Amino acid sequence: MEFVECVSFILIHDGRVLLEKRRADKAFDAAMVMVPGGHAEYGEEHLQTLARELMEELSLEAESAGYVCSLIHTAESEHETEVQRLHYYLVTEWQGDIDALEAEFVFWQPLSELDVLEIQPDRIAIAEAQRLYLS
């Protein structure tokens, strides 16, 4: 099985996590509520993908990021399936103002109310980020 490498970034502030509502025209997982992230480019290291995708998705620069875990997600589109290996990073400090450049919108969700997340790997990764870094 071949995996598509992706990096997802968990931003937590004041007991809330930043989530995105994906645009309806996205190829995979259209219109779903998820942790933001993106595909790695060929030859790119995870931290390079993190930096590039944070800028492309949210107009942010990470000042502090810690690896959380890697999980498998089967992303669906209308015509195909993509098996993604999601590498999650917790970003606790950043520069810039959050701007939803690729999502329909982003929003802060209380960590106690994560039932809005539409994929199980995101729930697992947020719990793991809290266990590793915030307990």
Protein backbone atom coordinates (compact mmCIF):
# COMPACT_ATOMS: atom_id res chain seq x y z
CA MET A 1 0.00 0.00 0.00
CA GLU A 2 1.31 3.41 -0.92
CA PHE A 3 0.68 6.33 1.40
CA VAL A 4 0.36 10.01 0.54
CA GLU A 5 2.44 11.94 3.09
CA CYS A 6 0.67 14.87 4.79
CA VAL A 7 1.36 17.17 7.73
CA SER A 8 -1.41 18.42 10.02
CA PHE A 9 -0.98 21.19 12.55
CA ILE A 10 -2.75 21.40 15.88
CA LEU A 11 -2.88 24.97 17.18
CA ILE A 12 -4.08 25.20 20.79
CA HIS A 13 -4.71 28.43 22.68
CA ASP A 14 -6.73 29.09 25.86
CA GLY A 15 -8.28 25.63 25.96
CA ARG A 16 -9.38 25.75 22.33
CA VAL A 17 -8.08 24.15 19.12
CA LEU A 18 -8.11 25.73 15.68
CA LEU A 19 -10.19 23.74 13.18
CA GLU A 20 -11.10 24.32 9.55
CA LYS A 21 -14.21 23.79 7.49
CA ARG A 22 -12.85 22.58 4.15
CA ARG A 23 -14.18 24.12 0.98
CA ALA A 24 -16.77 22.11 -0.92
CA ASP A 25 -14.59 22.15 -4.06
CA LYS A 26 -11.62 20.37 -2.41
CA ALA A 27 -10.64 17.10 -4.10
CA PHE A 28 -10.62 15.07 -0.85
CA ASP A 29 -12.73 15.34 2.30
CA ALA A 30 -14.72 18.24 0.80
CA ALA A 31 -16.72 20.39 3.23
CA MET A 32 -15.50 18.44 6.28
CA VAL A 33 -14.44 19.88 9.64
CA MET A 34 -10.83 18.88 10.33
CA VAL A 35 -7.48 19.88 11.76
CA PRO A 36 -5.72 22.02 9.10
CA GLY A 37 -2.86 20.55 7.10
CA GLY A 38 -1.64 19.66 3.64
CA HIS A 39 0.28 17.33 1.38
CA ALA A 40 4.06 17.05 1.50
CA GLU A 41 5.87 17.84 -1.73
CA TYR A 42 8.34 15.32 -3.15
CA GLY A 43 11.56 15.23 -1.11
CA GLU A 44 10.23 17.59 1.55
CA GLU A 45 10.93 16.92 5.24
CA HIS A 46 7.99 17.10 7.65
CA LEU A 47 9.11 20.37 9.23
CA GLN A 48 9.50 21.91 5.77
CA THR A 49 5.96 20.83 4.91
CA LEU A 50 4.75 22.21 8.23
CA ALA A 51 6.33 25.62 7.57
CA ARG A 52 5.10 25.81 3.96
CA GLU A 53 1.57 24.59 4.69
CA LEU A 54 1.15 26.85 7.74
CA MET A 55 1.97 29.82 5.52
CA GLU A 56 -0.19 28.63 2.59
CA GLU A 57 -3.17 27.65 4.73
CA LEU A 58 -3.17 30.17 7.58
CA SER A 59 -0.53 32.85 6.81
CA LEU A 60 1.43 31.85 9.93
CA GLU A 61 5.01 31.08 10.88
CA ALA A 62 5.57 28.49 13.64
CA GLU A 63 7.85 29.59 16.46
CA SER A 64 7.42 26.36 18.41
CA ALA A 65 6.27 22.99 17.05
CA GLY A 66 6.46 19.52 18.53
CA TYR A 67 5.82 16.18 16.86
CA VAL A 68 2.73 14.42 18.20
CA CYS A 69 2.06 11.25 16.18
CA SER A 70 1.43 9.80 12.72
CA LEU A 71 -1.91 8.21 11.83
CA ILE A 72 -3.50 6.73 8.71
CA HIS A 73 -6.57 8.34 7.14
CA THR A 74 -8.50 7.19 4.11
CA ALA A 75 -9.50 10.40 2.33
CA GLU A 76 -12.50 10.20 0.03
CA SER A 77 -13.40 12.09 -3.11
CA GLU A 78 -16.28 11.67 -5.49
CA HIS A 79 -14.23 9.38 -7.75
CA GLU A 80 -11.28 8.03 -5.77
CA THR A 81 -9.73 7.20 -2.43
CA GLU A 82 -6.34 8.37 -1.14
CA VAL A 83 -4.66 6.68 1.83
CA GLN A 84 -2.87 9.42 3.74
CA ARG A 85 -0.23 9.18 6.46
CA LEU A 86 -0.96 12.25 8.58
CA HIS A 87 1.99 13.54 10.62
CA TYR A 88 0.61 15.74 13.39
CA TYR A 89 2.51 18.60 15.02
CA LEU A 90 1.44 20.73 17.96
CA VAL A 91 2.11 24.42 17.31
CA THR A 92 1.99 26.39 20.55
CA GLU A 93 3.60 29.64 19.42
CA TRP A 94 3.33 31.36 16.06
CA GLN A 95 3.84 34.68 14.28
CA GLY A 96 1.19 36.35 12.16
CA ASP A 97 -2.56 36.75 12.14
CA ILE A 98 -4.63 33.69 11.31
CA ASP A 99 -6.19 33.97 7.86
CA ALA A 100 -8.15 31.13 6.19
CA LEU A 101 -6.43 31.16 2.80
CA GLU A 102 -7.54 27.73 1.57
CA ALA A 103 -10.41 26.63 3.85
CA GLU A 104 -13.97 27.92 3.72
CA PHE A 105 -13.30 29.21 7.24
CA VAL A 106 -11.35 28.41 10.43
CA PHE A 107 -12.64 28.61 13.99
CA TRP A 108 -11.57 28.02 17.58
CA GLN A 109 -13.29 25.01 19.14
CA PRO A 110 -13.19 24.18 22.88
CA LEU A 111 -11.06 21.10 23.56
CA SER A 112 -13.98 19.69 25.56
CA GLU A 113 -16.25 19.76 22.47
CA LEU A 114 -14.48 17.85 19.70
CA ASP A 115 -17.51 15.98 18.39
CA VAL A 116 -17.52 18.40 15.42
CA LEU A 117 -14.38 16.71 14.04
CA GLU A 118 -15.25 14.48 11.12
CA ILE A 119 -12.27 12.12 11.09
CA GLN A 120 -11.15 9.92 13.97
CA PRO A 121 -7.38 10.49 13.49
CA ASP A 122 -7.85 14.19 14.34
CA ARG A 123 -9.54 13.32 17.64
CA ILE A 124 -6.78 10.84 18.50
CA ALA A 125 -4.01 13.31 17.61
CA ILE A 126 -5.50 16.14 19.68
CA ALA A 127 -5.83 13.82 22.69
CA GLU A 128 -2.22 12.70 22.18
CA ALA A 129 -1.03 16.33 21.90
CA GLN A 130 -2.73 17.11 25.19
CA ARG A 131 -1.24 14.00 26.86
CA LEU A 132 2.31 14.68 25.61
CA TYR A 133 2.55 18.44 25.90
CA LEU A 134 -0.30 19.94 27.94
CA SER A 135 -0.82 17.66 30.94
